[in-house]
Amino acid sequence: QVQLVESGGGLVQAGGSLRVSCAASGHLFTNYVMGWFRQAPGKEREFVGAIAWHDGKTYYSDTVKGRFTISRDNAKNTVYLQMNSLKPEDTAVYLCAADIRLWRKGYSSLPREYHSWGQGTQVTVSS
């Protein structure tokens, strides 16, 4: 099992930037796929993007492509989500997730396919 802890959320004005982090600990393997999801009140959990730990390949939803960037720091076992040009509709709890079984197909956009989750960090974008 891997433990995930998000940090870095906060309040930002529309058009601004914010970086959230996901620190991983426990039984870490290079074949993990790390996903970022978000969930707004009353809405379903939404895929934001993912990164394959072993090769750093990234995947993004069309909603955030070109504005958000996912990266990793192997030495710190940390994954980052850099969010630029933020919009009020980006307001949500941002959660990171991990699964070791997804590396064969690259990633998954389905929350049910990730077996480890962090507690989430709130990101609020004001208009």
Foldseek 3Di string as FASTA:
>chain_A
DKAKAKDWADEAAAQAKTKMKIFIDDDDDQQKKKWKWWDAPPDDIWTAKIARNNPGDIGGDPVQPPFWDWGADVVRNMIMIIGGNDDQVVWTWMKMFMDNPCSVVPDDGDPVRTDYIYPTDTHGYHD
